[in-house]
Amino acid sequence: MELLNQIAIGWIVIGILSAVIILIDVIRHPQAMKIMDAVWPINALWGGPLILWAYFTLGKHRKMKMSMPMKSMKMKMDTSMKMPMDDHKYDKFWQGIVVDALHCGAGCSLSDLVGSWIFYYLLSFSILNQKLFGEWLFDYVLALIIGVLFQYAAIAPMMDGSVGYKLFQAFKIDFWSLTAWQVGMYGWSAIINFGLHLHFTPVMPAFWLMMAIGMACGFVTAYPMNWLLVKLGIKKGM
């Protein structure tokens, strides 16, 4: 366990340094979509060099051009939030899906970063005599709230309508993507707790290493869901 904690401390330091590097760069060179200024450094906390690579290859040097000026675009959308699929902002479809998934992951990451402390030390409860199930529910609800706000920040400048309408559209978009991300995370959590019988708390460095691996699993499960949502026209591809 001591070795695991030492490895975890190293990864935490790497993640923080990666986030700081990105944060400094986005302050100097803000993203075209403002919410991405937060998305990249948040994801770097768990992804470290991988997110650093993604930022400098997909986030910074690839301009996220809109097919029309933002002010004049004001897209007209039906209630199913279907949008044209012929104006992707990345040269390759998979690149946009990576960014889409990371946009979703930022909300999940932030909710787990904050929610873990709240759950363990303020609002702890059990479901079916399992504290872990309570944690899953709490994290999911918090992640959904934050995720919807992140999605709202991304789509609000491109939509007409009231704040309530935009929030509803953001919920429809983010629900499936975020749920897919959490499935990957909870799958890894189940392996750790029920398969390996390892139990950690937020004060243990290993807890955050396991969380980082869980986030990576969440990305793996969220990627195909985002691919599907964009292909169906439910979500606007990056």
C-alpha atoms as a PDB file:
ATOM      1  CA  MET A   1       0.000   0.000   0.000  1.00  0.00           C
ATOM      2  CA  GLU A   2       2.875   2.365   0.748  1.00  0.00           C
ATOM      3  CA  LEU A   3       4.269   1.866  -2.754  1.00  0.00           C
ATOM      4  CA  LEU A   4       0.832   2.528  -4.228  1.00  0.00           C
ATOM      5  CA  ASN A   5       0.557   5.776  -2.286  1.00  0.00           C
ATOM      6  CA  GLN A   6       4.011   6.844  -3.465  1.00  0.00           C
ATOM      7  CA  ILE A   7       3.041   6.175  -7.086  1.00  0.00           C
ATOM      8  CA  ALA A   8      -0.191   8.068  -6.478  1.00  0.00           C
ATOM      9  CA  ILE A   9       1.652  11.103  -5.104  1.00  0.00           C
ATOM     10  CA  GLY A  10       3.835  11.153  -8.201  1.00  0.00           C
ATOM     11  CA  TRP A  11       0.811  11.026 -10.502  1.00  0.00           C
ATOM     12  CA  ILE A  12      -1.003  13.727  -8.512  1.00  0.00           C
ATOM     13  CA  VAL A  13       2.013  16.034  -8.863  1.00  0.00           C
ATOM     14  CA  ILE A  14       2.211  15.308 -12.597  1.00  0.00           C
ATOM     15  CA  GLY A  15      -1.509  16.022 -12.955  1.00  0.00           C
ATOM     16  CA  ILE A  16      -1.288  19.317 -11.093  1.00  0.00           C
ATOM     17  CA  LEU A  17       1.730  20.423 -13.133  1.00  0.00           C
ATOM     18  CA  SER A  18      -0.059  19.494 -16.366  1.00  0.00           C
ATOM     19  CA  ALA A  19      -3.123  21.464 -15.300  1.00  0.00           C
ATOM     20  CA  VAL A  20      -1.002  24.491 -14.397  1.00  0.00           C
ATOM     21  CA  ILE A  21       0.768  24.418 -17.774  1.00  0.00           C
ATOM     22  CA  ILE A  22      -2.562  24.334 -19.601  1.00  0.00           C
ATOM     23  CA  LEU A  23      -4.077  26.987 -17.349  1.00  0.00           C
ATOM     24  CA  ILE A  24      -1.212  29.379 -18.017  1.00  0.00           C
ATOM     25  CA  ASP A  25      -1.546  28.782 -21.747  1.00  0.00           C
ATOM     26  CA  VAL A  26      -5.334  29.259 -21.889  1.00  0.00           C
ATOM     27  CA  ILE A  27      -4.971  32.521 -19.965  1.00  0.00           C
ATOM     28  CA  ARG A  28      -2.583  33.719 -22.654  1.00  0.00           C
ATOM     29  CA  HIS A  29      -4.488  32.076 -25.520  1.00  0.00           C
ATOM     30  CA  PRO A  30      -8.178  31.648 -24.592  1.00  0.00           C
ATOM     31  CA  GLN A  31     -10.219  28.999 -26.376  1.00  0.00           C
ATOM     32  CA  ALA A  32     -12.847  30.039 -28.918  1.00  0.00           C
ATOM     33  CA  MET A  33     -15.446  28.261 -26.783  1.00  0.00           C
ATOM     34  CA  LYS A  34     -14.929  29.815 -23.358  1.00  0.00           C
ATOM     35  CA  ILE A  35     -15.985  26.794 -21.300  1.00  0.00           C
ATOM     36  CA  MET A  36     -13.053  24.877 -22.799  1.00  0.00           C
ATOM     37  CA  ASP A  37     -10.711  27.165 -20.852  1.00  0.00           C
ATOM     38  CA  ALA A  38     -11.868  25.229 -17.787  1.00  0.00           C
ATOM     39  CA  VAL A  39     -12.386  21.841 -19.438  1.00  0.00           C
ATOM     40  CA  TRP A  40      -8.742  21.278 -20.398  1.00  0.00           C
ATOM     41  CA  PRO A  41      -7.026  21.990 -17.046  1.00  0.00           C
ATOM     42  CA  ILE A  42      -9.715  20.102 -15.112  1.00  0.00           C
ATOM     43  CA  ASN A  43      -9.159  16.992 -17.208  1.00  0.00           C
ATOM     44  CA  ALA A  44      -5.393  17.403 -16.888  1.00  0.00           C
ATOM     45  CA  LEU A  45      -5.701  16.816 -13.139  1.00  0.00           C
ATOM     46  CA  TRP A  46      -6.468  13.137 -13.799  1.00  0.00           C
ATOM     47  CA  GLY A  47      -5.037  12.672 -17.294  1.00  0.00           C
ATOM     48  CA  GLY A  48      -1.689  14.405 -16.838  1.00  0.00           C
ATOM     49  CA  PRO A  49       0.557  14.187 -19.931  1.00  0.00           C
ATOM     50  CA  LEU A  50      -2.192  12.552 -22.015  1.00  0.00           C
ATOM     51  CA  ILE A  51      -4.463  15.578 -21.633  1.00  0.00           C
ATOM     52  CA  LEU A  52      -1.463  17.870 -22.061  1.00  0.00           C
ATOM     53  CA  TRP A  53      -0.831  16.191 -25.423  1.00  0.00           C
ATOM     54  CA  ALA A  54      -4.507  16.413 -26.359  1.00  0.00           C
ATOM     55  CA  TYR A  55      -4.632  20.100 -25.487  1.00  0.00           C
ATOM     56  CA  PHE A  56      -1.605  21.087 -27.553  1.00  0.00           C
ATOM     57  CA  THR A  57      -2.617  18.927 -30.542  1.00  0.00           C
ATOM     58  CA  LEU A  58      -6.426  19.175 -30.520  1.00  0.00           C
ATOM     59  CA  GLY A  59      -7.262  22.011 -28.166  1.00  0.00           C
ATOM     60  CA  LYS A  60      -4.824  24.802 -28.913  1.00  0.00           C
ATOM     61  CA  HIS A  61      -3.501  24.401 -32.425  1.00  0.00           C
ATOM     62  CA  ARG A  62      -6.768  23.355 -34.025  1.00  0.00           C
ATOM     63  CA  LYS A  63      -8.977  26.405 -34.391  1.00  0.00           C
ATOM     64  CA  MET A  64     -12.587  25.630 -33.504  1.00  0.00           C
ATOM     65  CA  LYS A  65     -14.115  27.536 -36.415  1.00  0.00           C
ATOM     66  CA  MET A  66     -17.840  27.987 -36.735  1.00  0.00           C
ATOM     67  CA  SER A  67     -19.403  27.801 -40.170  1.00  0.00           C
ATOM     68  CA  MET A  68     -21.026  31.186 -39.465  1.00  0.00           C
ATOM     69  CA  PRO A  69     -20.151  34.043 -37.124  1.00  0.00           C
ATOM     70  CA  MET A  70     -21.340  33.310 -33.603  1.00  0.00           C
ATOM     71  CA  LYS A  71     -23.429  36.442 -33.339  1.00  0.00           C
ATOM     72  CA  SER A  72     -25.327  35.802 -36.539  1.00  0.00           C
ATOM     73  CA  MET A  73     -25.615  32.061 -36.232  1.00  0.00           C
ATOM     74  CA  LYS A  74     -28.311  31.765 -33.518  1.00  0.00           C
ATOM     75  CA  MET A  75     -29.191  28.297 -34.660  1.00  0.00           C
ATOM     76  CA  LYS A  76     -32.820  27.276 -34.914  1.00  0.00           C
ATOM     77  CA  MET A  77     -33.280  23.898 -33.286  1.00  0.00           C
ATOM     78  CA  ASP A  78     -36.269  21.666 -32.873  1.00  0.00           C
ATOM     79  CA  THR A  79     -37.155  20.105 -29.542  1.00  0.00           C
ATOM     80  CA  SER A  80     -35.007  17.044 -30.257  1.00  0.00           C
ATOM     81  CA  MET A  81     -31.922  19.281 -30.486  1.00  0.00           C
ATOM     82  CA  LYS A  82     -31.017  17.886 -33.921  1.00  0.00           C
ATOM     83  CA  MET A  83     -28.358  19.870 -35.731  1.00  0.00           C
ATOM     84  CA  PRO A  84     -26.635  19.683 -39.117  1.00  0.00           C
ATOM     85  CA  MET A  85     -23.687  17.354 -39.249  1.00  0.00           C
ATOM     86  CA  ASP A  86     -21.738  18.810 -42.172  1.00  0.00           C
ATOM     87  CA  ASP A  87     -19.737  21.523 -40.410  1.00  0.00           C
ATOM     88  CA  HIS A  88     -17.474  19.715 -37.960  1.00  0.00           C
ATOM     89  CA  LYS A  89     -14.793  21.983 -36.584  1.00  0.00           C
ATOM     90  CA  TYR A  90     -12.090  19.303 -36.640  1.00  0.00           C
ATOM     91  CA  ASP A  91     -10.597  17.826 -39.774  1.00  0.00           C
ATOM     92  CA  LYS A  92     -11.152  14.304 -38.497  1.00  0.00           C
ATOM     93  CA  PHE A  93     -14.387  13.148 -36.900  1.00  0.00           C
ATOM     94  CA  TRP A  94     -12.647  11.241 -34.100  1.00  0.00           C
ATOM     95  CA  GLN A  95     -10.838  14.377 -32.958  1.00  0.00           C
ATOM     96  CA  GLY A  96     -14.087  16.188 -32.312  1.00  0.00           C
ATOM     97  CA  ILE A  97     -15.473  13.195 -30.434  1.00  0.00           C
ATOM     98  CA  VAL A  98     -12.401  13.122 -28.181  1.00  0.00           C
ATOM     99  CA  VAL A  99     -13.016  16.766 -27.269  1.00  0.00           C
ATOM    100  CA  ASP A 100     -16.751  16.108 -26.852  1.00  0.00           C
ATOM    101  CA  ALA A 101     -16.019  13.294 -24.409  1.00  0.00           C
ATOM    102  CA  LEU A 102     -13.503  15.401 -22.479  1.00  0.00           C
ATOM    103  CA  HIS A 103     -16.022  18.234 -22.260  1.00  0.00           C
ATOM    104  CA  CYS A 104     -18.381  15.778 -20.576  1.00  0.00           C
ATOM    105  CA  GLY A 105     -15.560  14.400 -18.452  1.00  0.00           C
ATOM    106  CA  ALA A 106     -14.724  17.809 -17.024  1.00  0.00           C
ATOM    107  CA  GLY A 107     -18.080  17.957 -15.271  1.00  0.00           C
ATOM    108  CA  CYS A 108     -17.620  14.446 -13.906  1.00  0.00           C
ATOM    109  CA  SER A 109     -14.072  15.231 -12.802  1.00  0.00           C
ATOM    110  CA  LEU A 110     -15.062  18.408 -11.009  1.00  0.00           C
ATOM    111  CA  SER A 111     -17.993  16.719  -9.278  1.00  0.00           C
ATOM    112  CA  ASP A 112     -15.794  13.881  -8.015  1.00  0.00           C
ATOM    113  CA  LEU A 113     -13.044  16.248  -6.929  1.00  0.00           C
ATOM    114  CA  VAL A 114     -15.471  18.245  -4.808  1.00  0.00           C
ATOM    115  CA  GLY A 115     -18.129  15.627  -4.116  1.00  0.00           C
ATOM    116  CA  SER A 116     -15.803  13.036  -2.629  1.00  0.00           C
ATOM    117  CA  TRP A 117     -14.924  15.329   0.270  1.00  0.00           C
ATOM    118  CA  ILE A 118     -18.549  16.335   0.797  1.00  0.00           C
ATOM    119  CA  PHE A 119     -19.785  12.752   0.776  1.00  0.00           C
ATOM    120  CA  TYR A 120     -17.152  11.262   3.041  1.00  0.00           C
ATOM    121  CA  TYR A 121     -17.121  14.003   5.635  1.00  0.00           C
ATOM    122  CA  LEU A 122     -20.532  15.761   5.480  1.00  0.00           C
ATOM    123  CA  LEU A 123     -23.308  13.799   3.755  1.00  0.00           C
ATOM    124  CA  SER A 124     -22.335  10.148   3.946  1.00  0.00           C
ATOM    125  CA  PHE A 125     -25.157   7.605   3.556  1.00  0.00           C
ATOM    126  CA  SER A 126     -25.651   3.993   2.479  1.00  0.00           C
ATOM    127  CA  ILE A 127     -27.895   2.246  -0.031  1.00  0.00           C
ATOM    128  CA  LEU A 128     -28.588  -1.472   0.472  1.00  0.00           C
ATOM    129  CA  ASN A 129     -26.067  -1.344   3.324  1.00  0.00           C
ATOM    130  CA  GLN A 130     -23.360  -0.228   0.915  1.00  0.00           C
ATOM    131  CA  LYS A 131     -21.749   3.160   1.443  1.00  0.00           C
ATOM    132  CA  LEU A 132     -20.244   2.853  -2.029  1.00  0.00           C
ATOM    133  CA  PHE A 133     -23.713   2.812  -3.629  1.00  0.00           C
ATOM    134  CA  GLY A 134     -24.564   5.986  -1.744  1.00  0.00           C
ATOM    135  CA  GLU A 135     -21.385   7.581  -3.014  1.00  0.00           C
ATOM    136  CA  TRP A 136     -22.234   6.566  -6.571  1.00  0.00           C
ATOM    137  CA  LEU A 137     -25.674   8.149  -6.357  1.00  0.00           C
ATOM    138  CA  PHE A 138     -24.391  11.341  -4.776  1.00  0.00           C
ATOM    139  CA  ASP A 139     -21.575  11.698  -7.320  1.00  0.00           C
ATOM    140  CA  TYR A 140     -23.925  10.991 -10.224  1.00  0.00           C
ATOM    141  CA  VAL A 141     -26.442  13.655  -9.227  1.00  0.00           C
ATOM    142  CA  LEU A 142     -23.702  16.212  -8.589  1.00  0.00           C
ATOM    143  CA  ALA A 143     -21.972  15.319 -11.874  1.00  0.00           C
ATOM    144  CA  LEU A 144     -25.240  15.704 -13.766  1.00  0.00           C
ATOM    145  CA  ILE A 145     -25.841  19.154 -12.287  1.00  0.00           C
ATOM    146  CA  ILE A 146     -22.318  20.343 -13.099  1.00  0.00           C
ATOM    147  CA  GLY A 147     -22.361  18.610 -16.478  1.00  0.00           C
ATOM    148  CA  VAL A 148     -25.590  20.325 -17.509  1.00  0.00           C
ATOM    149  CA  LEU A 149     -24.119  23.696 -16.531  1.00  0.00           C
ATOM    150  CA  PHE A 150     -21.010  22.945 -18.600  1.00  0.00           C
ATOM    151  CA  GLN A 151     -23.168  21.916 -21.543  1.00  0.00           C
ATOM    152  CA  TYR A 152     -25.303  25.013 -21.129  1.00  0.00           C
ATOM    153  CA  ALA A 153     -22.196  27.190 -21.294  1.00  0.00           C
ATOM    154  CA  ALA A 154     -21.253  25.496 -24.563  1.00  0.00           C
ATOM    155  CA  ILE A 155     -24.607  25.722 -26.372  1.00  0.00           C
ATOM    156  CA  ALA A 156     -26.209  28.867 -24.933  1.00  0.00           C
ATOM    157  CA  PRO A 157     -24.383  31.317 -27.246  1.00  0.00           C
ATOM    158  CA  MET A 158     -25.613  29.333 -30.271  1.00  0.00           C
ATOM    159  CA  MET A 159     -29.290  29.108 -29.351  1.00  0.00           C
ATOM    160  CA  ASP A 160     -32.369  31.283 -29.159  1.00  0.00           C
ATOM    161  CA  GLY A 161     -34.829  30.812 -26.333  1.00  0.00           C
ATOM    162  CA  SER A 162     -35.138  31.211 -22.613  1.00  0.00           C
ATOM    163  CA  VAL A 163     -32.623  30.082 -20.026  1.00  0.00           C
ATOM    164  CA  GLY A 164     -34.995  27.287 -19.012  1.00  0.00           C
ATOM    165  CA  TYR A 165     -35.249  26.024 -22.581  1.00  0.00           C
ATOM    166  CA  LYS A 166     -31.480  26.065 -23.012  1.00  0.00           C
ATOM    167  CA  LEU A 167     -30.987  24.219 -19.732  1.00  0.00           C
ATOM    168  CA  PHE A 168     -33.474  21.568 -20.842  1.00  0.00           C
ATOM    169  CA  GLN A 169     -31.618  21.097 -24.121  1.00  0.00           C
ATOM    170  CA  ALA A 170     -28.332  20.898 -22.208  1.00  0.00           C
ATOM    171  CA  PHE A 171     -29.818  18.203 -19.971  1.00  0.00           C
ATOM    172  CA  LYS A 172     -30.964  16.138 -22.965  1.00  0.00           C
ATOM    173  CA  ILE A 173     -27.522  16.334 -24.520  1.00  0.00           C
ATOM    174  CA  ASP A 174     -25.497  15.688 -21.387  1.00  0.00           C
ATOM    175  CA  PHE A 175     -27.600  12.958 -19.765  1.00  0.00           C
ATOM    176  CA  TRP A 176     -26.518  10.087 -22.015  1.00  0.00           C
ATOM    177  CA  SER A 177     -22.902  11.202 -22.372  1.00  0.00           C
ATOM    178  CA  LEU A 178     -22.436  11.734 -18.650  1.00  0.00           C
ATOM    179  CA  THR A 179     -24.189   8.487 -17.785  1.00  0.00           C
ATOM    180  CA  ALA A 180     -21.868   6.590 -20.130  1.00  0.00           C
ATOM    181  CA  TRP A 181     -18.859   8.238 -18.474  1.00  0.00           C
ATOM    182  CA  GLN A 182     -20.085   7.295 -15.006  1.00  0.00           C
ATOM    183  CA  VAL A 183     -20.654   3.688 -16.107  1.00  0.00           C
ATOM    184  CA  GLY A 184     -16.951   3.394 -16.870  1.00  0.00           C
ATOM    185  CA  MET A 185     -16.004   5.010 -13.592  1.00  0.00           C
ATOM    186  CA  TYR A 186     -18.344   2.889 -11.514  1.00  0.00           C
ATOM    187  CA  GLY A 187     -17.233  -0.252 -13.308  1.00  0.00           C
ATOM    188  CA  TRP A 188     -13.658   0.440 -12.239  1.00  0.00           C
ATOM    189  CA  SER A 189     -14.816   1.359  -8.733  1.00  0.00           C
ATOM    190  CA  ALA A 190     -16.675  -1.950  -8.480  1.00  0.00           C
ATOM    191  CA  ILE A 191     -13.554  -3.860  -9.505  1.00  0.00           C
ATOM    192  CA  ILE A 192     -11.493  -2.062  -6.852  1.00  0.00           C
ATOM    193  CA  ASN A 193     -14.020  -2.433  -4.037  1.00  0.00           C
ATOM    194  CA  PHE A 194     -15.706  -5.771  -4.741  1.00  0.00           C
ATOM    195  CA  GLY A 195     -13.100  -7.519  -6.859  1.00  0.00           C
ATOM    196  CA  LEU A 196      -9.842  -6.503  -5.210  1.00  0.00           C
ATOM    197  CA  HIS A 197     -11.410  -5.604  -1.853  1.00  0.00           C
ATOM    198  CA  LEU A 198      -9.464  -2.364  -1.638  1.00  0.00           C
ATOM    199  CA  HIS A 199     -11.005   0.617   0.110  1.00  0.00           C
ATOM    200  CA  PHE A 200      -9.699   4.160   0.052  1.00  0.00           C
ATOM    201  CA  THR A 201     -10.744   7.574   1.373  1.00  0.00           C
ATOM    202  CA  PRO A 202      -9.980  11.045  -0.019  1.00  0.00           C
ATOM    203  CA  VAL A 203      -7.161  11.608   2.487  1.00  0.00           C
ATOM    204  CA  MET A 204      -5.231   8.724   0.908  1.00  0.00           C
ATOM    205  CA  PRO A 205      -3.184   9.523  -2.243  1.00  0.00           C
ATOM    206  CA  ALA A 206      -4.122   6.112  -3.680  1.00  0.00           C
ATOM    207  CA  PHE A 207      -7.785   7.214  -3.677  1.00  0.00           C
ATOM    208  CA  TRP A 208      -6.986   9.864  -6.288  1.00  0.00           C
ATOM    209  CA  LEU A 209      -4.882   7.496  -8.368  1.00  0.00           C
ATOM    210  CA  MET A 210      -7.807   5.091  -8.494  1.00  0.00           C
ATOM    211  CA  MET A 211     -10.040   8.038  -9.352  1.00  0.00           C
ATOM    212  CA  ALA A 212      -7.733   8.991 -12.229  1.00  0.00           C
ATOM    213  CA  ILE A 213      -7.871   5.449 -13.616  1.00  0.00           C
ATOM    214  CA  GLY A 214     -11.641   5.542 -13.212  1.00  0.00           C
ATOM    215  CA  MET A 215     -11.780   8.761 -15.219  1.00  0.00           C
ATOM    216  CA  ALA A 216      -9.806   7.090 -17.995  1.00  0.00           C
ATOM    217  CA  CYS A 217     -12.324   4.231 -17.951  1.00  0.00           C
ATOM    218  CA  GLY A 218     -15.093   6.812 -18.098  1.00  0.00           C
ATOM    219  CA  PHE A 219     -13.539   8.327 -21.204  1.00  0.00           C
ATOM    220  CA  VAL A 220     -13.433   4.894 -22.850  1.00  0.00           C
ATOM    221  CA  THR A 221     -17.157   4.307 -22.241  1.00  0.00           C
ATOM    222  CA  ALA A 222     -18.195   7.886 -23.050  1.00  0.00           C
ATOM    223  CA  TYR A 223     -16.388   8.044 -26.389  1.00  0.00           C
ATOM    224  CA  PRO A 224     -18.716   5.655 -28.280  1.00  0.00           C
ATOM    225  CA  MET A 225     -21.767   7.304 -26.698  1.00  0.00           C
ATOM    226  CA  ASN A 226     -20.630  10.732 -27.889  1.00  0.00           C
ATOM    227  CA  TRP A 227     -19.897   9.275 -31.320  1.00  0.00           C
ATOM    228  CA  LEU A 228     -23.478   7.961 -31.457  1.00  0.00           C
ATOM    229  CA  LEU A 229     -25.044  11.187 -30.170  1.00  0.00           C
ATOM    230  CA  VAL A 230     -23.234  13.242 -32.793  1.00  0.00           C
ATOM    231  CA  LYS A 231     -24.037  10.794 -35.603  1.00  0.00           C
ATOM    232  CA  LEU A 232     -27.717  10.899 -34.654  1.00  0.00           C
ATOM    233  CA  GLY A 233     -27.659  14.683 -34.626  1.00  0.00           C
ATOM    234  CA  ILE A 234     -28.625  14.869 -30.962  1.00  0.00           C
ATOM    235  CA  LYS A 235     -25.347  16.515 -30.020  1.00  0.00           C
ATOM    236  CA  LYS A 236     -23.378  19.094 -31.954  1.00  0.00           C
ATOM    237  CA  GLY A 237     -19.931  17.736 -32.683  1.00  0.00           C
ATOM    238  CA  MET A 238     -16.907  19.784 -31.682  1.00  0.00           C
END
